[in-house]
All heavy atoms as atom14 arrays in JSON, in Angstrom:
{
  "sequence": "TPHGEAERVIEYALFAIYLVFVVDYVLRLSFAQPRAKSF",
  "atom14_mask": [
    [1, 1, 1, 1, 1, 1, 1, 0, 0, 0, 0, 0, 0, 0],
    [1, 1, 1, 1, 1, 1, 1, 0, 0, 0, 0, 0, 0, 0],
    [1, 1, 1, 1, 1, 1, 1, 1, 1, 1, 0, 0, 0, 0],
    [1, 1, 1, 1, 0, 0, 0, 0, 0, 0, 0, 0, 0, 0],
    [1, 1, 1, 1, 1, 1, 1, 1, 1, 0, 0, 0, 0, 0],
    [1, 1, 1, 1, 1, 0, 0, 0, 0, 0, 0, 0, 0, 0],
    [1, 1, 1, 1, 1, 1, 1, 1, 1, 0, 0, 0, 0, 0],
    [1, 1, 1, 1, 1, 1, 1, 1, 1, 1, 1, 0, 0, 0],
    [1, 1, 1, 1, 1, 1, 1, 0, 0, 0, 0, 0, 0, 0],
    [1, 1, 1, 1, 1, 1, 1, 1, 0, 0, 0, 0, 0, 0],
    [1, 1, 1, 1, 1, 1, 1, 1, 1, 0, 0, 0, 0, 0],
    [1, 1, 1, 1, 1, 1, 1, 1, 1, 1, 1, 1, 0, 0],
    [1, 1, 1, 1, 1, 0, 0, 0, 0, 0, 0, 0, 0, 0],
    [1, 1, 1, 1, 1, 1, 1, 1, 0, 0, 0, 0, 0, 0],
    [1, 1, 1, 1, 1, 1, 1, 1, 1, 1, 1, 0, 0, 0],
    [1, 1, 1, 1, 1, 0, 0, 0, 0, 0, 0, 0, 0, 0],
    [1, 1, 1, 1, 1, 1, 1, 1, 0, 0, 0, 0, 0, 0],
    [1, 1, 1, 1, 1, 1, 1, 1, 1, 1, 1, 1, 0, 0],
    [1, 1, 1, 1, 1, 1, 1, 1, 0, 0, 0, 0, 0, 0],
    [1, 1, 1, 1, 1, 1, 1, 0, 0, 0, 0, 0, 0, 0],
    [1, 1, 1, 1, 1, 1, 1, 1, 1, 1, 1, 0, 0, 0],
    [1, 1, 1, 1, 1, 1, 1, 0, 0, 0, 0, 0, 0, 0],
    [1, 1, 1, 1, 1, 1, 1, 0, 0, 0, 0, 0, 0, 0],
    [1, 1, 1, 1, 1, 1, 1, 1, 0, 0, 0, 0, 0, 0],
    [1, 1, 1, 1, 1, 1, 1, 1, 1, 1, 1, 1, 0, 0],
    [1, 1, 1, 1, 1, 1, 1, 0, 0, 0, 0, 0, 0, 0],
    [1, 1, 1, 1, 1, 1, 1, 1, 0, 0, 0, 0, 0, 0],
    [1, 1, 1, 1, 1, 1, 1, 1, 1, 1, 1, 0, 0, 0],
    [1, 1, 1, 1, 1, 1, 1, 1, 0, 0, 0, 0, 0, 0],
    [1, 1, 1, 1, 1, 1, 0, 0, 0, 0, 0, 0, 0, 0],
    [1, 1, 1, 1, 1, 1, 1, 1, 1, 1, 1, 0, 0, 0],
    [1, 1, 1, 1, 1, 0, 0, 0, 0, 0, 0, 0, 0, 0],
    [1, 1, 1, 1, 1, 1, 1, 1, 1, 0, 0, 0, 0, 0],
    [1, 1, 1, 1, 1, 1, 1, 0, 0, 0, 0, 0, 0, 0],
    [1, 1, 1, 1, 1, 1, 1, 1, 1, 1, 1, 0, 0, 0],
    [1, 1, 1, 1, 1, 0, 0, 0, 0, 0, 0, 0, 0, 0],
    [1, 1, 1, 1, 1, 1, 1, 1, 1, 0, 0, 0, 0, 0],
    [1, 1, 1, 1, 1, 1, 0, 0, 0, 0, 0, 0, 0, 0],
    [1, 1, 1, 1, 1, 1, 1, 1, 1, 1, 1, 0, 0, 0]
  ],
  "atom14_positions": [
    [[-128.18, -5.73, 17.7], [-127.96, -4.48, 18.39], [-126.94, -3.62, 17.66], [-125.82, -3.41, 18.21], [-127.63, -4.7, 19.86], [-126.43, -5.49, 19.92], [-128.74, -5.29, 20.62], [0.0, 0.0, 0.0], [0.0, 0.0, 0.0], [0.0, 0.0, 0.0], [0.0, 0.0, 0.0], [0.0, 0.0, 0.0], [0.0, 0.0, 0.0], [0.0, 0.0, 0.0]],
    [[-127.21, -3.12, 16.48], [-126.21, -2.28, 15.79], [-126.01, -1.01, 16.48], [-126.79, -0.55, 17.24], [-126.89, -2.09, 14.42], [-128.34, -2.24, 14.69], [-128.42, -3.21, 15.79], [0.0, 0.0, 0.0], [0.0, 0.0, 0.0], [0.0, 0.0, 0.0], [0.0, 0.0, 0.0], [0.0, 0.0, 0.0], [0.0, 0.0, 0.0], [0.0, 0.0, 0.0]],
    [[-124.85, -0.37, 16.2], [-124.48, 0.9, 16.79], [-124.09, 1.89, 15.68], [-123.81, 1.49, 14.55], [-123.36, 0.73, 17.79], [-123.63, -0.19, 18.85], [-124.45, 0.18, 19.9], [-123.28, -1.46, 19.11], [-124.59, -0.87, 20.75], [-123.87, -1.86, 20.27], [0.0, 0.0, 0.0], [0.0, 0.0, 0.0], [0.0, 0.0, 0.0], [0.0, 0.0, 0.0]],
    [[-124.11, 3.16, 15.99], [-123.62, 4.2, 15.11], [-124.56, 4.34, 13.9], [-125.82, 4.46, 14.03], [0.0, 0.0, 0.0], [0.0, 0.0, 0.0], [0.0, 0.0, 0.0], [0.0, 0.0, 0.0], [0.0, 0.0, 0.0], [0.0, 0.0, 0.0], [0.0, 0.0, 0.0], [0.0, 0.0, 0.0], [0.0, 0.0, 0.0], [0.0, 0.0, 0.0]],
    [[-123.94, 4.48, 12.73], [-124.69, 4.75, 11.5], [-125.66, 3.65, 11.18], [-126.79, 3.9, 10.71], [-123.74, 4.95, 10.38], [-124.37, 5.45, 9.06], [-124.94, 6.85, 9.16], [-124.45, 7.67, 10.06], [-125.85, 7.18, 8.39], [0.0, 0.0, 0.0], [0.0, 0.0, 0.0], [0.0, 0.0, 0.0], [0.0, 0.0, 0.0], [0.0, 0.0, 0.0]],
    [[-125.32, 2.43, 11.41], [-126.21, 1.3, 11.09], [-127.5, 1.37, 11.92], [-128.6, 1.15, 11.43], [-125.51, -0.06, 11.32], [0.0, 0.0, 0.0], [0.0, 0.0, 0.0], [0.0, 0.0, 0.0], [0.0, 0.0, 0.0], [0.0, 0.0, 0.0], [0.0, 0.0, 0.0], [0.0, 0.0, 0.0], [0.0, 0.0, 0.0], [0.0, 0.0, 0.0]],
    [[-127.36, 1.74, 13.16], [-128.5, 1.85, 14.06], [-129.41, 3.01, 13.55], [-130.67, 2.81, 13.5], [-128.05, 2.14, 15.46], [-129.21, 2.33, 16.45], [-128.74, 2.66, 17.83], [-127.59, 3.16, 17.98], [-129.5, 2.44, 18.78], [0.0, 0.0, 0.0], [0.0, 0.0, 0.0], [0.0, 0.0, 0.0], [0.0, 0.0, 0.0], [0.0, 0.0, 0.0]],
    [[-128.87, 4.08, 13.17], [-129.58, 5.23, 12.63], [-130.36, 4.89, 11.38], [-131.52, 5.2, 11.21], [-128.67, 6.4, 12.48], [-129.37, 7.72, 12.29], [-128.49, 8.97, 12.33], [-127.06, 8.75, 12.25], [-126.18, 8.7, 13.26], [-126.66, 8.69, 14.49], [-124.88, 8.51, 13.07], [0.0, 0.0, 0.0], [0.0, 0.0, 0.0], [0.0, 0.0, 0.0]],
    [[-129.7, 4.15, 10.48], [-130.34, 3.75, 9.18], [-131.56, 2.83, 9.48], [-132.59, 3.01, 8.86], [-129.32, 3.1, 8.27], [-130.03, 2.43, 7.09], [-128.32, 4.11, 7.75], [0.0, 0.0, 0.0], [0.0, 0.0, 0.0], [0.0, 0.0, 0.0], [0.0, 0.0, 0.0], [0.0, 0.0, 0.0], [0.0, 0.0, 0.0], [0.0, 0.0, 0.0]],
    [[-131.35, 1.88, 10.39], [-132.42, 0.96, 10.77], [-133.61, 1.71, 11.34], [-134.78, 1.4, 11.05], [-131.9, -0.19, 11.6], [-131.01, -1.12, 10.8], [-133.03, -0.93, 12.26], [-130.28, -2.15, 11.62], [0.0, 0.0, 0.0], [0.0, 0.0, 0.0], [0.0, 0.0, 0.0], [0.0, 0.0, 0.0], [0.0, 0.0, 0.0], [0.0, 0.0, 0.0]],
    [[-133.32, 2.65, 12.26], [-134.36, 3.44, 12.84], [-135.16, 4.22, 11.82], [-136.38, 4.28, 11.87], [-133.83, 4.38, 13.99], [-133.37, 3.62, 15.18], [-134.45, 2.85, 15.95], [-135.56, 3.3, 16.0], [-134.13, 1.71, 16.36], [0.0, 0.0, 0.0], [0.0, 0.0, 0.0], [0.0, 0.0, 0.0], [0.0, 0.0, 0.0], [0.0, 0.0, 0.0]],
    [[-134.48, 4.88, 10.9], [-135.18, 5.61, 9.85], [-136.02, 4.69, 9.0], [-137.08, 5.06, 8.58], [-134.17, 6.43, 9.01], [-133.6, 7.64, 9.72], [-132.26, 7.95, 9.55], [-134.35, 8.43, 10.53], [-131.7, 9.05, 10.2], [-133.8, 9.52, 11.18], [-132.49, 9.83, 10.98], [-131.96, 10.92, 11.62], [0.0, 0.0, 0.0], [0.0, 0.0, 0.0]],
    [[-135.46, 3.54, 8.63], [-136.2, 2.6, 7.81], [-137.42, 2.1, 8.52], [-138.54, 2.01, 7.94], [-135.27, 1.46, 7.44], [0.0, 0.0, 0.0], [0.0, 0.0, 0.0], [0.0, 0.0, 0.0], [0.0, 0.0, 0.0], [0.0, 0.0, 0.0], [0.0, 0.0, 0.0], [0.0, 0.0, 0.0], [0.0, 0.0, 0.0], [0.0, 0.0, 0.0]],
    [[-137.29, 1.8, 9.8], [-138.46, 1.29, 10.58], [-139.52, 2.45, 10.68], [-140.76, 2.17, 10.56], [-138.06, 0.88, 11.95], [-137.3, -0.47, 12.04], [-136.81, -0.71, 13.44], [-138.19, -1.61, 11.57], [0.0, 0.0, 0.0], [0.0, 0.0, 0.0], [0.0, 0.0, 0.0], [0.0, 0.0, 0.0], [0.0, 0.0, 0.0], [0.0, 0.0, 0.0]],
    [[-139.05, 3.66, 10.82], [-140.02, 4.77, 10.89], [-140.76, 4.92, 9.55], [-141.97, 5.11, 9.52], [-139.32, 6.12, 11.21], [-140.23, 7.24, 11.32], [-141.04, 7.41, 12.45], [-140.27, 8.23, 10.32], [-141.88, 8.47, 12.57], [-141.1, 9.29, 10.4], [-141.93, 9.46, 11.57], [0.0, 0.0, 0.0], [0.0, 0.0, 0.0], [0.0, 0.0, 0.0]],
    [[-140.04, 4.8, 8.45], [-140.68, 4.89, 7.11], [-141.69, 3.8, 6.92], [-142.76, 3.97, 6.38], [-139.57, 4.83, 6.06], [0.0, 0.0, 0.0], [0.0, 0.0, 0.0], [0.0, 0.0, 0.0], [0.0, 0.0, 0.0], [0.0, 0.0, 0.0], [0.0, 0.0, 0.0], [0.0, 0.0, 0.0], [0.0, 0.0, 0.0], [0.0, 0.0, 0.0]],
    [[-141.38, 2.55, 7.44], [-142.28, 1.46, 7.33], [-143.53, 1.74, 8.15], [-144.68, 1.46, 7.74], [-141.63, 0.16, 7.71], [-140.62, -0.23, 6.58], [-142.62, -0.94, 7.93], [-139.72, -1.4, 7.02], [0.0, 0.0, 0.0], [0.0, 0.0, 0.0], [0.0, 0.0, 0.0], [0.0, 0.0, 0.0], [0.0, 0.0, 0.0], [0.0, 0.0, 0.0]],
    [[-143.4, 2.29, 9.35], [-144.52, 2.67, 10.16], [-145.41, 3.62, 9.4], [-146.65, 3.52, 9.42], [-144.11, 3.35, 11.51], [-143.47, 2.44, 12.5], [-142.36, 2.83, 13.26], [-143.91, 1.14, 12.79], [-141.79, 2.03, 14.14], [-143.35, 0.32, 13.69], [-142.25, 0.78, 14.41], [-141.65, -0.09, 15.33], [0.0, 0.0, 0.0], [0.0, 0.0, 0.0]],
    [[-144.8, 4.57, 8.75], [-145.6, 5.54, 7.95], [-146.36, 4.9, 6.82], [-147.5, 5.27, 6.53], [-144.67, 6.68, 7.39], [-144.13, 7.67, 8.38], [-143.21, 8.7, 7.72], [-145.25, 8.35, 9.11], [0.0, 0.0, 0.0], [0.0, 0.0, 0.0], [0.0, 0.0, 0.0], [0.0, 0.0, 0.0], [0.0, 0.0, 0.0], [0.0, 0.0, 0.0]],
    [[-145.74, 3.92, 6.2], [-146.48, 3.14, 5.12], [-147.72, 2.53, 5.74], [-148.84, 2.65, 5.12], [-145.56, 2.05, 4.5], [-146.33, 1.12, 3.64], [-144.41, 2.74, 3.71], [0.0, 0.0, 0.0], [0.0, 0.0, 0.0], [0.0, 0.0, 0.0], [0.0, 0.0, 0.0], [0.0, 0.0, 0.0], [0.0, 0.0, 0.0], [0.0, 0.0, 0.0]],
    [[-147.63, 1.96, 6.86], [-148.8, 1.29, 7.45], [-149.81, 2.31, 7.95], [-151.03, 2.07, 7.9], [-148.4, 0.36, 8.61], [-147.78, -0.93, 8.05], [-146.48, -1.25, 8.41], [-148.45, -1.76, 7.21], [-145.86, -2.43, 7.91], [-147.86, -2.94, 6.75], [-146.58, -3.29, 7.06], [0.0, 0.0, 0.0], [0.0, 0.0, 0.0], [0.0, 0.0, 0.0]],
    [[-149.4, 3.43, 8.42], [-150.31, 4.51, 8.82], [-151.08, 5.01, 7.61], [-152.3, 5.16, 7.62], [-149.61, 5.66, 9.58], [-150.48, 6.86, 9.71], [-149.08, 5.16, 10.88], [0.0, 0.0, 0.0], [0.0, 0.0, 0.0], [0.0, 0.0, 0.0], [0.0, 0.0, 0.0], [0.0, 0.0, 0.0], [0.0, 0.0, 0.0], [0.0, 0.0, 0.0]],
    [[-150.39, 5.25, 6.51], [-151.0, 5.69, 5.27], [-152.0, 4.67, 4.76], [-153.09, 4.97, 4.38], [-149.98, 6.05, 4.19], [-150.59, 6.26, 2.86], [-149.2, 7.29, 4.64], [0.0, 0.0, 0.0], [0.0, 0.0, 0.0], [0.0, 0.0, 0.0], [0.0, 0.0, 0.0], [0.0, 0.0, 0.0], [0.0, 0.0, 0.0], [0.0, 0.0, 0.0]],
    [[-151.62, 3.41, 4.79], [-152.53, 2.32, 4.43], [-153.77, 2.34, 5.29], [-154.86, 2.25, 4.79], [-151.8, 0.95, 4.52], [-152.73, -0.22, 4.26], [-153.22, -0.24, 3.11], [-152.93, -1.05, 5.15], [0.0, 0.0, 0.0], [0.0, 0.0, 0.0], [0.0, 0.0, 0.0], [0.0, 0.0, 0.0], [0.0, 0.0, 0.0], [0.0, 0.0, 0.0]],
    [[-153.63, 2.51, 6.58], [-154.81, 2.49, 7.47], [-155.71, 3.67, 7.15], [-156.9, 3.48, 7.09], [-154.31, 2.57, 8.93], [-155.5, 2.56, 9.92], [-156.13, 1.39, 10.22], [-155.89, 3.76, 10.49], [-157.23, 1.42, 11.1], [-156.96, 3.77, 11.35], [-157.59, 2.63, 11.66], [-158.69, 2.59, 12.52], [0.0, 0.0, 0.0], [0.0, 0.0, 0.0]],
    [[-155.15, 4.83, 6.92], [-155.95, 6.0, 6.66], [-156.7, 5.86, 5.33], [-157.89, 6.17, 5.24], [-155.06, 7.3, 6.68], [-155.83, 8.48, 6.07], [-154.56, 7.61, 8.05], [0.0, 0.0, 0.0], [0.0, 0.0, 0.0], [0.0, 0.0, 0.0], [0.0, 0.0, 0.0], [0.0, 0.0, 0.0], [0.0, 0.0, 0.0], [0.0, 0.0, 0.0]],
    [[-156.01, 5.29, 4.32], [-156.71, 5.03, 3.05], [-157.8, 4.03, 3.2], [-158.88, 4.21, 2.65], [-155.67, 4.54, 2.05], [-154.72, 5.66, 1.47], [-153.69, 5.06, 0.62], [-155.56, 6.72, 0.73], [0.0, 0.0, 0.0], [0.0, 0.0, 0.0], [0.0, 0.0, 0.0], [0.0, 0.0, 0.0], [0.0, 0.0, 0.0], [0.0, 0.0, 0.0]],
    [[-157.56, 2.94, 3.93], [-158.64, 1.96, 4.11], [-159.8, 2.57, 4.86], [-160.92, 2.31, 4.59], [-158.1, 0.76, 4.85], [-157.19, -0.08, 4.06], [-156.56, -1.21, 4.92], [-155.63, -1.97, 4.22], [-155.82, -3.05, 3.56], [-157.04, -3.58, 3.49], [-154.87, -3.66, 2.9], [0.0, 0.0, 0.0], [0.0, 0.0, 0.0], [0.0, 0.0, 0.0]],
    [[-159.49, 3.44, 5.85], [-160.56, 4.09, 6.62], [-161.36, 5.05, 5.73], [-162.54, 5.13, 5.83], [-159.94, 4.85, 7.79], [-160.9, 5.43, 8.78], [-161.77, 4.33, 9.44], [-160.2, 6.19, 9.86], [0.0, 0.0, 0.0], [0.0, 0.0, 0.0], [0.0, 0.0, 0.0], [0.0, 0.0, 0.0], [0.0, 0.0, 0.0], [0.0, 0.0, 0.0]],
    [[-160.67, 5.7, 4.79], [-161.4, 6.62, 3.94], [-162.32, 5.93, 2.95], [-163.33, 6.42, 2.54], [-160.41, 7.51, 3.16], [-159.72, 6.73, 2.18], [0.0, 0.0, 0.0], [0.0, 0.0, 0.0], [0.0, 0.0, 0.0], [0.0, 0.0, 0.0], [0.0, 0.0, 0.0], [0.0, 0.0, 0.0], [0.0, 0.0, 0.0], [0.0, 0.0, 0.0]],
    [[-161.98, 4.64, 2.62], [-162.84, 3.86, 1.71], [-164.01, 3.18, 2.44], [-164.98, 2.8, 1.81], [-162.02, 2.73, 0.96], [-160.99, 3.32, 0.03], [-159.75, 2.66, -0.06], [-161.2, 4.4, -0.72], [-158.78, 3.15, -0.91], [-160.3, 4.89, -1.62], [-159.04, 4.27, -1.71], [0.0, 0.0, 0.0], [0.0, 0.0, 0.0], [0.0, 0.0, 0.0]],
    [[-163.82, 2.99, 3.69], [-164.83, 2.17, 4.49], [-166.1, 2.98, 4.7], [-166.11, 4.16, 4.82], [-164.21, 1.81, 5.81], [0.0, 0.0, 0.0], [0.0, 0.0, 0.0], [0.0, 0.0, 0.0], [0.0, 0.0, 0.0], [0.0, 0.0, 0.0], [0.0, 0.0, 0.0], [0.0, 0.0, 0.0], [0.0, 0.0, 0.0], [0.0, 0.0, 0.0]],
    [[-167.19, 2.15, 4.68], [-168.47, 2.7, 5.0], [-169.16, 1.79, 6.04], [-169.24, 0.63, 5.8], [-169.34, 2.82, 3.78], [-168.86, 3.77, 2.71], [-168.89, 5.22, 3.2], [-169.74, 5.56, 4.06], [-167.99, 5.99, 2.72], [0.0, 0.0, 0.0], [0.0, 0.0, 0.0], [0.0, 0.0, 0.0], [0.0, 0.0, 0.0], [0.0, 0.0, 0.0]],
    [[-169.65, 2.2, 7.11], [-169.48, 3.49, 7.75], [-168.14, 3.62, 8.43], [-167.6, 2.65, 8.9], [-170.61, 3.57, 8.78], [-170.84, 2.16, 9.11], [-170.55, 1.33, 7.87], [0.0, 0.0, 0.0], [0.0, 0.0, 0.0], [0.0, 0.0, 0.0], [0.0, 0.0, 0.0], [0.0, 0.0, 0.0], [0.0, 0.0, 0.0], [0.0, 0.0, 0.0]],
    [[-167.56, 4.81, 8.37], [-166.25, 5.01, 8.87], [-166.05, 4.83, 10.36], [-165.09, 4.2, 10.78], [-165.75, 6.41, 8.47], [-165.46, 6.49, 7.05], [-164.83, 7.86, 6.69], [-164.56, 7.87, 5.25], [-165.4, 8.44, 4.4], [-166.54, 8.96, 4.85], [-165.09, 8.42, 3.11], [0.0, 0.0, 0.0], [0.0, 0.0, 0.0], [0.0, 0.0, 0.0]],
    [[-167.0, 5.24, 11.17], [-166.85, 5.14, 12.59], [-166.79, 3.7, 13.0], [-166.0, 3.28, 13.84], [-168.05, 5.8, 13.25], [0.0, 0.0, 0.0], [0.0, 0.0, 0.0], [0.0, 0.0, 0.0], [0.0, 0.0, 0.0], [0.0, 0.0, 0.0], [0.0, 0.0, 0.0], [0.0, 0.0, 0.0], [0.0, 0.0, 0.0], [0.0, 0.0, 0.0]],
    [[-167.62, 2.86, 12.39], [-167.6, 1.36, 12.76], [-166.21, 0.79, 12.38], [-165.7, 0.03, 13.07], [-168.67, 0.68, 12.03], [-168.81, -0.78, 12.37], [-169.96, -1.4, 11.61], [-169.96, -2.93, 11.91], [-170.95, -3.64, 11.08], [0.0, 0.0, 0.0], [0.0, 0.0, 0.0], [0.0, 0.0, 0.0], [0.0, 0.0, 0.0], [0.0, 0.0, 0.0]],
    [[-165.73, 1.17, 11.2], [-164.37, 0.65, 10.78], [-163.27, 1.17, 11.66], [-162.28, 0.44, 11.83], [-164.16, 1.03, 9.31], [-165.14, 0.52, 8.51], [0.0, 0.0, 0.0], [0.0, 0.0, 0.0], [0.0, 0.0, 0.0], [0.0, 0.0, 0.0], [0.0, 0.0, 0.0], [0.0, 0.0, 0.0], [0.0, 0.0, 0.0], [0.0, 0.0, 0.0]],
    [[-163.42, 2.38, 12.15], [-162.36, 2.93, 12.92], [-162.17, 2.15, 14.25], [-161.08, 1.96, 14.69], [-162.65, 4.4, 13.21], [-161.62, 5.08, 14.08], [-160.41, 5.48, 13.53], [-161.83, 5.37, 15.42], [-159.42, 6.12, 14.26], [-160.82, 6.01, 16.16], [-159.7, 6.36, 15.61], [0.0, 0.0, 0.0], [0.0, 0.0, 0.0], [0.0, 0.0, 0.0]]
  ]
}
């Protein structure tokens, strides 16, 4: 349970990691055929 700056850095890092996984999902969905079934 960090506080202050450490807490903020961890939150930003976790958000960036979430974005990595969202981008990965979108890319995989764009490659999939048929897309609706993969979604």
